[in-house]
Structure formats: C-alpha cells, structure tokens
Amino acid sequence: RNGGKVMDLNKFFCKDRVCAICTFILAVWVFITASSFPASLMDKIGSGLFPQFIAIVIAIASILLFVTAKPKEEEKASRDGYIALAVVAGDVLFYVLTWQVFGFIISNFLFVFIFVMYFEKRWGLKERIVHALIFSSAFSLFMYLFFAKLLHILLPTLIH
C-alpha cells in the first residue's frame, strides 16, 4: 500500500523500468561472459576488462533509469511497439547464440544488418539493403579493428 492506495503494478513496471531491467540483465550477462575471455599474448590486463567496465557503466545507467522512471498515466504499448521489442529481443538472442559459432565479424554484421533493415524506414527496400550492407560492413570492421587490433582482445572467429 502506498498512502492508502494499492500500487498498480502495470504503472510501476512502465516501459522505462522494463527496459532498465532487461538492460541490467544484459549487462550482468556481458560482465560474466567477459570474465571468461581468453587473454592474448599482448594483453597484460586481460581481454575482459574493457567489456566488464562497459557492462558496469551500462548496469549503473540501467539502475538510474529504473529509479528515475516516471510512469505516464495513459502509457499503453502499441502493436508496433511489441513487434519492435520482439525484433530487438530476437536479434540480441540471435547474436548471443551465434557469435561463438559464426565469429565476431559475421555475427556482428548480421546483428546490425537486421537492425538497419527493420528500423530504417526512410528508404525503399533496395536502398535499405544497400545502406544496411554498407553500414553493417563498416560498423563490423570498425568494431573488429577497435577490439582486436587496438585493445588486443581475442574475439570469436568462424569455426572451420
């Protein structure tokens, strides 16, 4: 009870709080997974340190989002909102399940490609495919160079 009123769980668990909980769970998973990253010969501090640091920052941000979330009176999820949530959850699940199998570059490329194809609505199908191919390729290459070459983190490679 809150001041003589029963707390409405639907209002308490608004979109921001649900997002914060999911993000916190993802951050915990990243932190735990990063602790098992193998060390490279050039790495003195461990290849999981940077991902663990990012996971901690994300966890803190998700806690802040949860605490500061203000449910709106008439907050209702639309059908499009549920579909977008399903696409995001499915894409993240696909990435988590396949990055050890397909390797970092291919899984990252597919992950970003799916996001761009679904969420970029400004262009027609052909233009979206071209933009998704370019952006996914460039982003995946940048991430590979940043983590593998600059930070010397061993990333999963394609299993032969």
N, C-alpha and C. Protein backbone atom coordinates (compact mmCIF):
# COMPACT_ATOMS: atom_id res chain seq x y z
N ARG A 1 0.84 -1.19 0.00
CA ARG A 1 0.00 0.00 0.00
C ARG A 1 0.87 1.24 0.00
N ASN A 2 0.39 2.22 -0.70
CA ASN A 2 1.12 3.48 -0.81
C ASN A 2 0.16 4.61 -0.47
N GLY A 3 0.20 5.11 0.78
CA GLY A 3 -0.70 6.18 1.19
C GLY A 3 -2.15 5.77 1.16
N GLY A 4 -2.44 4.53 1.51
CA GLY A 4 -3.81 4.05 1.50
C GLY A 4 -4.26 3.54 0.15
N LYS A 5 -3.42 3.63 -0.86
CA LYS A 5 -3.77 3.17 -2.20
C LYS A 5 -2.95 1.93 -2.54
N VAL A 6 -3.54 1.02 -3.26
CA VAL A 6 -2.83 -0.16 -3.72
C VAL A 6 -2.01 0.24 -4.94
N MET A 7 -0.73 -0.12 -4.93
CA MET A 7 0.14 0.25 -6.05
C MET A 7 -0.24 -0.57 -7.28
N ASP A 8 -0.42 0.09 -8.39
CA ASP A 8 -0.74 -0.56 -9.65
C ASP A 8 0.56 -1.03 -10.30
N LEU A 9 0.73 -2.36 -10.39
CA LEU A 9 1.97 -2.91 -10.94
C LEU A 9 2.15 -2.55 -12.41
N ASN A 10 1.05 -2.39 -13.14
CA ASN A 10 1.17 -2.01 -14.55
C ASN A 10 1.80 -0.63 -14.68
N LYS A 11 1.47 0.28 -13.76
CA LYS A 11 2.07 1.60 -13.80
C LYS A 11 3.49 1.57 -13.26
N PHE A 12 3.71 0.74 -12.23
CA PHE A 12 5.06 0.66 -11.65
C PHE A 12 6.05 0.11 -12.68
N PHE A 13 5.66 -0.95 -13.40
CA PHE A 13 6.53 -1.53 -14.41
C PHE A 13 6.22 -0.90 -15.76
N CYS A 14 6.53 0.37 -15.87
CA CYS A 14 6.33 1.10 -17.12
C CYS A 14 7.41 0.67 -18.12
N LYS A 15 7.32 1.20 -19.34
CA LYS A 15 8.27 0.82 -20.39
C LYS A 15 9.72 1.07 -19.98
N ASP A 16 9.98 2.21 -19.36
CA ASP A 16 11.35 2.54 -18.97
C ASP A 16 11.89 1.54 -17.93
N ARG A 17 11.06 1.15 -16.99
CA ARG A 17 11.52 0.21 -15.97
C ARG A 17 11.73 -1.19 -16.55
N VAL A 18 10.87 -1.62 -17.45
CA VAL A 18 11.06 -2.91 -18.10
C VAL A 18 12.34 -2.89 -18.93
N CYS A 19 12.57 -1.79 -19.65
CA CYS A 19 13.80 -1.63 -20.42
C CYS A 19 15.01 -1.65 -19.50
N ALA A 20 14.90 -0.98 -18.34
CA ALA A 20 16.01 -0.94 -17.38
C ALA A 20 16.33 -2.34 -16.85
N ILE A 21 15.31 -3.12 -16.56
CA ILE A 21 15.52 -4.49 -16.06
C ILE A 21 16.20 -5.34 -17.12
N CYS A 22 15.70 -5.26 -18.35
CA CYS A 22 16.30 -6.05 -19.45
C CYS A 22 17.75 -5.63 -19.69
N THR A 23 18.00 -4.33 -19.66
CA THR A 23 19.36 -3.83 -19.87
C THR A 23 20.28 -4.26 -18.74
N PHE A 24 19.79 -4.26 -17.52
CA PHE A 24 20.60 -4.70 -16.38
C PHE A 24 20.95 -6.17 -16.53
N ILE A 25 19.98 -6.99 -16.92
CA ILE A 25 20.25 -8.43 -17.12
C ILE A 25 21.29 -8.63 -18.22
N LEU A 26 21.17 -7.86 -19.30
CA LEU A 26 22.16 -7.94 -20.38
C LEU A 26 23.54 -7.54 -19.88
N ALA A 27 23.62 -6.47 -19.07
CA ALA A 27 24.91 -6.02 -18.53
C ALA A 27 25.53 -7.09 -17.64
N VAL A 28 24.72 -7.76 -16.83
CA VAL A 28 25.24 -8.85 -15.98
C VAL A 28 25.77 -9.98 -16.85
N TRP A 29 25.02 -10.31 -17.91
CA TRP A 29 25.47 -11.38 -18.81
C TRP A 29 26.80 -11.00 -19.47
N VAL A 30 26.91 -9.76 -19.94
CA VAL A 30 28.16 -9.30 -20.58
C VAL A 30 29.31 -9.37 -19.57
N PHE A 31 29.07 -8.93 -18.34
CA PHE A 31 30.12 -8.95 -17.31
C PHE A 31 30.60 -10.38 -17.06
N ILE A 32 29.67 -11.30 -16.90
CA ILE A 32 30.02 -12.71 -16.63
C ILE A 32 30.72 -13.32 -17.83
N THR A 33 30.20 -13.07 -19.02
CA THR A 33 30.80 -13.63 -20.24
C THR A 33 32.20 -13.09 -20.45
N ALA A 34 32.39 -11.79 -20.22
CA ALA A 34 33.70 -11.16 -20.43
C ALA A 34 34.76 -11.72 -19.49
N SER A 35 34.34 -12.21 -18.34
CA SER A 35 35.31 -12.77 -17.40
C SER A 35 35.92 -14.06 -17.93
N SER A 36 35.28 -14.67 -18.91
CA SER A 36 35.82 -15.91 -19.48
C SER A 36 36.59 -15.70 -20.77
N PHE A 37 36.76 -14.44 -21.20
CA PHE A 37 37.51 -14.16 -22.43
C PHE A 37 38.96 -14.60 -22.24
N PRO A 38 39.51 -15.26 -23.23
CA PRO A 38 40.92 -15.66 -23.12
C PRO A 38 41.85 -14.46 -23.25
N ALA A 39 42.96 -14.53 -22.59
CA ALA A 39 43.95 -13.44 -22.67
C ALA A 39 44.83 -13.67 -23.90
N SER A 40 45.23 -12.57 -24.52
CA SER A 40 46.15 -12.68 -25.64
C SER A 40 47.57 -12.47 -25.14
N LEU A 41 48.54 -12.76 -25.99
CA LEU A 41 49.93 -12.60 -25.60
C LEU A 41 50.31 -11.15 -25.36
N MET A 42 49.63 -10.22 -26.06
CA MET A 42 49.96 -8.80 -25.97
C MET A 42 49.16 -8.10 -24.87
N ASP A 43 48.26 -8.83 -24.25
CA ASP A 43 47.36 -8.24 -23.28
C ASP A 43 47.86 -8.47 -21.86
N LYS A 44 48.13 -7.41 -21.17
CA LYS A 44 48.65 -7.52 -19.81
C LYS A 44 47.54 -7.46 -18.75
N ILE A 45 46.40 -6.84 -19.09
CA ILE A 45 45.35 -6.64 -18.09
C ILE A 45 44.17 -7.57 -18.27
N GLY A 46 44.15 -8.36 -19.30
CA GLY A 46 43.03 -9.27 -19.54
C GLY A 46 42.08 -8.70 -20.56
N SER A 47 41.67 -9.54 -21.47
CA SER A 47 40.83 -9.08 -22.58
C SER A 47 39.40 -8.78 -22.13
N GLY A 48 39.01 -9.23 -20.96
CA GLY A 48 37.65 -8.99 -20.50
C GLY A 48 37.49 -7.69 -19.72
N LEU A 49 38.57 -6.99 -19.42
CA LEU A 49 38.48 -5.80 -18.58
C LEU A 49 37.62 -4.70 -19.22
N PHE A 50 37.87 -4.37 -20.47
CA PHE A 50 37.11 -3.30 -21.13
C PHE A 50 35.62 -3.66 -21.24
N PRO A 51 35.27 -4.87 -21.71
CA PRO A 51 33.84 -5.22 -21.75
C PRO A 51 33.20 -5.22 -20.36
N GLN A 52 33.96 -5.64 -19.34
CA GLN A 52 33.41 -5.62 -17.98
C GLN A 52 33.19 -4.18 -17.51
N PHE A 53 34.10 -3.29 -17.85
CA PHE A 53 33.93 -1.87 -17.49
C PHE A 53 32.67 -1.31 -18.16
N ILE A 54 32.51 -1.60 -19.44
CA ILE A 54 31.32 -1.13 -20.16
C ILE A 54 30.06 -1.73 -19.54
N ALA A 55 30.11 -3.01 -19.15
CA ALA A 55 28.96 -3.66 -18.52
C ALA A 55 28.60 -2.98 -17.21
N ILE A 56 29.60 -2.57 -16.44
CA ILE A 56 29.34 -1.87 -15.18
C ILE A 56 28.68 -0.52 -15.45
N VAL A 57 29.18 0.20 -16.45
CA VAL A 57 28.59 1.50 -16.81
C VAL A 57 27.13 1.30 -17.25
N ILE A 58 26.88 0.29 -18.06
CA ILE A 58 25.52 0.01 -18.53
C ILE A 58 24.62 -0.38 -17.35
N ALA A 59 25.13 -1.19 -16.43
CA ALA A 59 24.35 -1.59 -15.26
C ALA A 59 23.99 -0.38 -14.41
N ILE A 60 24.94 0.51 -14.19
CA ILE A 60 24.67 1.72 -13.41
C ILE A 60 23.62 2.59 -14.12
N ALA A 61 23.76 2.73 -15.43
CA ALA A 61 22.79 3.52 -16.20
C ALA A 61 21.39 2.89 -16.12
N SER A 62 21.33 1.56 -16.17
CA SER A 62 20.02 0.90 -16.09
C SER A 62 19.39 1.06 -14.71
N ILE A 63 20.22 1.05 -13.66
CA ILE A 63 19.70 1.29 -12.30
C ILE A 63 19.16 2.72 -12.20
N LEU A 64 19.91 3.67 -12.75
CA LEU A 64 19.45 5.07 -12.74
C LEU A 64 18.14 5.22 -13.52
N LEU A 65 18.04 4.56 -14.65
CA LEU A 65 16.81 4.61 -15.44
C LEU A 65 15.65 4.03 -14.64
N PHE A 66 15.88 2.91 -13.97
CA PHE A 66 14.82 2.28 -13.18
C PHE A 66 14.34 3.21 -12.07
N VAL A 67 15.30 3.82 -11.36
CA VAL A 67 14.97 4.68 -10.23
C VAL A 67 14.26 5.96 -10.67
N THR A 68 14.68 6.53 -11.78
CA THR A 68 14.14 7.82 -12.21
C THR A 68 12.94 7.71 -13.15
N ALA A 69 12.55 6.50 -13.51
CA ALA A 69 11.43 6.32 -14.44
C ALA A 69 10.14 6.86 -13.83
N LYS A 70 9.41 7.59 -14.63
CA LYS A 70 8.12 8.16 -14.21
C LYS A 70 7.04 7.59 -15.13
N PRO A 71 6.23 6.67 -14.61
CA PRO A 71 5.18 6.10 -15.45
C PRO A 71 4.18 7.17 -15.87
N LYS A 72 3.79 7.11 -17.13
CA LYS A 72 2.79 8.04 -17.64
C LYS A 72 1.40 7.48 -17.32
N GLU A 73 0.46 8.35 -17.16
CA GLU A 73 -0.90 7.91 -16.80
C GLU A 73 -1.50 6.98 -17.85
N GLU A 74 -1.38 7.35 -19.08
CA GLU A 74 -2.01 6.58 -20.14
C GLU A 74 -0.98 5.86 -21.01
N GLU A 75 0.01 5.29 -20.38
CA GLU A 75 1.06 4.61 -21.14
C GLU A 75 0.56 3.23 -21.56
N LYS A 76 0.39 3.06 -22.85
CA LYS A 76 -0.05 1.78 -23.38
C LYS A 76 0.87 1.41 -24.54
N ALA A 77 1.27 0.18 -24.56
CA ALA A 77 2.13 -0.28 -25.64
C ALA A 77 1.28 -0.55 -26.88
N SER A 78 1.80 -0.14 -28.01
CA SER A 78 1.10 -0.39 -29.26
C SER A 78 1.57 -1.71 -29.85
N ARG A 79 0.85 -2.17 -30.84
CA ARG A 79 1.23 -3.40 -31.53
C ARG A 79 2.61 -3.25 -32.16
N ASP A 80 2.89 -2.08 -32.75
CA ASP A 80 4.20 -1.82 -33.35
C ASP A 80 5.30 -1.86 -32.29
N GLY A 81 4.99 -1.37 -31.10
CA GLY A 81 5.95 -1.41 -30.01
C GLY A 81 6.31 -2.83 -29.62
N TYR A 82 5.30 -3.70 -29.55
CA TYR A 82 5.57 -5.11 -29.23
C TYR A 82 6.38 -5.80 -30.33
N ILE A 83 6.06 -5.48 -31.57
CA ILE A 83 6.81 -6.06 -32.69
C ILE A 83 8.26 -5.59 -32.65
N ALA A 84 8.48 -4.30 -32.40
CA ALA A 84 9.84 -3.77 -32.32
C ALA A 84 10.60 -4.43 -31.16
N LEU A 85 9.94 -4.60 -30.03
CA LEU A 85 10.56 -5.28 -28.89
C LEU A 85 10.93 -6.71 -29.25
N ALA A 86 10.04 -7.41 -29.95
CA ALA A 86 10.32 -8.78 -30.37
C ALA A 86 11.50 -8.84 -31.35
N VAL A 87 11.58 -7.87 -32.26
CA VAL A 87 12.69 -7.83 -33.21
C VAL A 87 14.01 -7.60 -32.47
N VAL A 88 14.02 -6.65 -31.55
CA VAL A 88 15.23 -6.36 -30.78
C VAL A 88 15.63 -7.58 -29.95
N ALA A 89 14.67 -8.16 -29.21
CA ALA A 89 14.97 -9.32 -28.37
C ALA A 89 15.44 -10.50 -29.21
N GLY A 90 14.79 -10.73 -30.33
CA GLY A 90 15.19 -11.83 -31.22
C GLY A 90 16.56 -11.61 -31.82
N ASP A 91 16.85 -10.36 -32.20
CA ASP A 91 18.16 -10.05 -32.78
C ASP A 91 19.27 -10.21 -31.75
N VAL A 92 19.03 -9.74 -30.53
CA VAL A 92 20.02 -9.89 -29.46
C VAL A 92 20.22 -11.37 -29.14
N LEU A 93 19.13 -12.12 -29.05
CA LEU A 93 19.23 -13.56 -28.78
C LEU A 93 20.00 -14.27 -29.89
N PHE A 94 19.70 -13.92 -31.14
CA PHE A 94 20.43 -14.49 -32.27
C PHE A 94 21.92 -14.20 -32.15
N TYR A 95 22.26 -12.96 -31.81
CA TYR A 95 23.67 -12.56 -31.68
C TYR A 95 24.36 -13.35 -30.57
N VAL A 96 23.69 -13.45 -29.43
CA VAL A 96 24.27 -14.15 -28.29
C VAL A 96 24.49 -15.63 -28.61
N LEU A 97 23.55 -16.23 -29.32
CA LEU A 97 23.64 -17.66 -29.61
C LEU A 97 24.59 -17.99 -30.76
N THR A 98 24.88 -17.02 -31.62
CA THR A 98 25.67 -17.33 -32.81
C THR A 98 27.07 -16.75 -32.85
N TRP A 99 27.41 -15.84 -31.97
CA TRP A 99 28.71 -15.18 -32.12
C TRP A 99 29.87 -16.13 -31.89
N GLN A 100 29.68 -17.17 -31.08
CA GLN A 100 30.74 -18.16 -30.90
C GLN A 100 30.83 -19.11 -32.10
N VAL A 101 29.73 -19.29 -32.81
CA VAL A 101 29.69 -20.19 -33.95
C VAL A 101 30.17 -19.50 -35.23
N PHE A 102 29.58 -18.34 -35.56
CA PHE A 102 29.90 -17.63 -36.79
C PHE A 102 31.10 -16.71 -36.66
N GLY A 103 31.48 -16.42 -35.44
CA GLY A 103 32.57 -15.48 -35.22
C GLY A 103 32.04 -14.08 -35.03
N PHE A 104 32.90 -13.22 -34.53
CA PHE A 104 32.50 -11.86 -34.17
C PHE A 104 32.06 -11.05 -35.39
N ILE A 105 32.85 -11.07 -36.45
CA ILE A 105 32.56 -10.19 -37.59
C ILE A 105 31.25 -10.56 -38.26
N ILE A 106 31.03 -11.84 -38.54
CA ILE A 106 29.80 -12.25 -39.24
C ILE A 106 28.58 -12.03 -38.35
N SER A 107 28.66 -12.42 -37.08
CA SER A 107 27.52 -12.23 -36.18
C SER A 107 27.22 -10.75 -35.97
N ASN A 108 28.25 -9.94 -35.81
CA ASN A 108 28.06 -8.51 -35.64
C ASN A 108 27.44 -7.90 -36.90
N PHE A 109 27.92 -8.32 -38.07
CA PHE A 109 27.37 -7.84 -39.33
C PHE A 109 25.87 -8.17 -39.42
N LEU A 110 25.50 -9.42 -39.14
CA LEU A 110 24.10 -9.83 -39.23
C LEU A 110 23.23 -9.10 -38.20
N PHE A 111 23.77 -8.92 -37.00
CA PHE A 111 23.07 -8.21 -35.93
C PHE A 111 22.73 -6.79 -36.36
N VAL A 112 23.70 -6.06 -36.86
CA VAL A 112 23.49 -4.68 -37.29
C VAL A 112 22.62 -4.63 -38.54
N PHE A 113 22.82 -5.56 -39.47
CA PHE A 113 22.04 -5.60 -40.70
C PHE A 113 20.55 -5.74 -40.40
N ILE A 114 20.20 -6.64 -39.48
CA ILE A 114 18.80 -6.84 -39.12
C ILE A 114 18.21 -5.56 -38.52
N PHE A 115 18.97 -4.91 -37.63
CA PHE A 115 18.51 -3.66 -37.03
C PHE A 115 18.24 -2.61 -38.09
N VAL A 116 19.19 -2.41 -38.98
CA VAL A 116 19.04 -1.37 -40.00
C VAL A 116 17.86 -1.70 -40.92
N MET A 117 17.74 -2.94 -41.33
CA MET A 117 16.64 -3.32 -42.22
C MET A 117 15.28 -3.10 -41.56
N TYR A 118 15.18 -3.39 -40.28
CA TYR A 118 13.87 -3.25 -39.63
C TYR A 118 13.55 -1.80 -39.26
N PHE A 119 14.52 -1.09 -38.68
CA PHE A 119 14.22 0.21 -38.11
C PHE A 119 14.40 1.39 -39.07
N GLU A 120 15.13 1.22 -40.15
CA GLU A 120 15.33 2.32 -41.10
C GLU A 120 14.19 2.30 -42.11
N LYS A 121 13.28 3.23 -41.97
CA LYS A 121 12.08 3.25 -42.81
C LYS A 121 12.09 4.38 -43.84
N ARG A 122 13.18 5.15 -43.91
CA ARG A 122 13.20 6.31 -44.82
C ARG A 122 13.28 5.93 -46.29
N TRP A 123 13.84 4.78 -46.61
CA TRP A 123 14.08 4.40 -47.99
C TRP A 123 13.27 3.18 -48.38
N GLY A 124 13.26 2.92 -49.67
CA GLY A 124 12.64 1.71 -50.18
C GLY A 124 13.51 0.51 -49.88
N LEU A 125 13.05 -0.65 -50.25
CA LEU A 125 13.74 -1.90 -49.93
C LEU A 125 15.15 -1.95 -50.50
N LYS A 126 15.32 -1.61 -51.78
CA LYS A 126 16.65 -1.66 -52.40
C LYS A 126 17.64 -0.72 -51.71
N GLU A 127 17.18 0.50 -51.43
CA GLU A 127 18.05 1.47 -50.76
C GLU A 127 18.39 1.02 -49.35
N ARG A 128 17.40 0.44 -48.66
CA ARG A 128 17.67 -0.06 -47.29
C ARG A 128 18.70 -1.17 -47.31
N ILE A 129 18.61 -2.07 -48.29
CA ILE A 129 19.57 -3.16 -48.38
C ILE A 129 20.97 -2.61 -48.61
N VAL A 130 21.10 -1.66 -49.53
CA VAL A 130 22.41 -1.07 -49.81
C VAL A 130 22.95 -0.36 -48.57
N HIS A 131 22.12 0.46 -47.93
CA HIS A 131 22.56 1.17 -46.73
C HIS A 131 22.89 0.20 -45.60
N ALA A 132 22.08 -0.84 -45.45
CA ALA A 132 22.33 -1.83 -44.39
C ALA A 132 23.64 -2.58 -44.65
N LEU A 133 23.90 -2.93 -45.90
CA LEU A 133 25.16 -3.62 -46.24
C LEU A 133 26.36 -2.73 -45.95
N ILE A 134 26.29 -1.47 -46.36
CA ILE A 134 27.41 -0.54 -46.16
C ILE A 134 27.62 -0.28 -44.66
N PHE A 135 26.55 0.08 -43.96
CA PHE A 135 26.68 0.42 -42.55
C PHE A 135 27.11 -0.79 -41.73
N SER A 136 26.51 -1.96 -41.98
CA SER A 136 26.86 -3.17 -41.22
C SER A 136 28.30 -3.56 -41.46
N SER A 137 28.75 -3.46 -42.69
CA SER A 137 30.15 -3.79 -43.01
C SER A 137 31.11 -2.82 -42.32
N ALA A 138 30.84 -1.53 -42.46
CA ALA A 138 31.72 -0.52 -41.88
C ALA A 138 31.74 -0.63 -40.35
N PHE A 139 30.58 -0.79 -39.74
CA PHE A 139 30.50 -0.87 -38.29
C PHE A 139 31.21 -2.13 -37.77
N SER A 140 31.00 -3.26 -38.43
CA SER A 140 31.64 -4.50 -38.00
C SER A 140 33.15 -4.43 -38.15
N LEU A 141 33.62 -3.84 -39.25
CA LEU A 141 35.05 -3.67 -39.44
C LEU A 141 35.63 -2.75 -38.38
N PHE A 142 34.96 -1.63 -38.10
CA PHE A 142 35.42 -0.71 -37.06
C PHE A 142 35.49 -1.40 -35.71
N MET A 143 34.45 -2.15 -35.35
CA MET A 143 34.43 -2.84 -34.06
C MET A 143 35.54 -3.88 -33.98
N TYR A 144 35.77 -4.60 -35.08
CA TYR A 144 36.85 -5.58 -35.10
C TYR A 144 38.20 -4.90 -34.90
N LEU A 145 38.45 -3.85 -35.66
CA LEU A 145 39.73 -3.14 -35.54
C LEU A 145 39.91 -2.55 -34.14
N PHE A 146 38.84 -2.01 -33.58
CA PHE A 146 38.92 -1.40 -32.25
C PHE A 146 39.24 -2.45 -31.19
N PHE A 147 38.46 -3.54 -31.17
CA PHE A 147 38.65 -4.54 -30.11
C PHE A 147 39.84 -5.45 -30.37
N ALA A 148 39.96 -5.98 -31.58
CA ALA A 148 41.01 -6.97 -31.86
C ALA A 148 42.38 -6.34 -32.06
N LYS A 149 42.44 -5.25 -32.78
CA LYS A 149 43.74 -4.67 -33.10
C LYS A 149 44.20 -3.62 -32.09
N LEU A 150 43.30 -2.72 -31.69
CA LEU A 150 43.69 -1.66 -30.77
C LEU A 150 43.76 -2.15 -29.32
N LEU A 151 42.72 -2.86 -28.88
CA LEU A 151 42.69 -3.33 -27.49
C LEU A 151 43.26 -4.75 -27.32
N HIS A 152 43.58 -5.41 -28.43
CA HIS A 152 44.15 -6.77 -28.42
C HIS A 152 43.26 -7.77 -27.68
N ILE A 153 41.97 -7.67 -27.91
CA ILE A 153 41.01 -8.62 -27.33
C ILE A 153 40.80 -9.75 -28.32
N LEU A 154 40.93 -10.96 -27.87
CA LEU A 154 40.68 -12.11 -28.72
C LEU A 154 39.19 -12.26 -28.92
N LEU A 155 38.75 -12.21 -30.16
CA LEU A 155 37.34 -12.31 -30.50
C LEU A 155 37.07 -13.68 -31.11
N PRO A 156 35.84 -14.16 -30.97
CA PRO A 156 35.50 -15.44 -31.59
C PRO A 156 35.67 -15.35 -33.10
N THR A 157 36.19 -16.40 -33.69
CA THR A 157 36.34 -16.46 -35.14
C THR A 157 35.46 -17.58 -35.68
N LEU A 158 35.26 -17.57 -36.97
CA LEU A 158 34.43 -18.59 -37.61
C LEU A 158 35.04 -19.97 -37.39
N ILE A 159 34.21 -20.91 -36.91
CA ILE A 159 34.66 -22.28 -36.70
C ILE A 159 34.70 -22.98 -38.05
N HIS A 160 35.83 -23.57 -38.35
CA HIS A 160 36.00 -24.23 -39.67
C HIS A 160 35.54 -25.66 -39.62
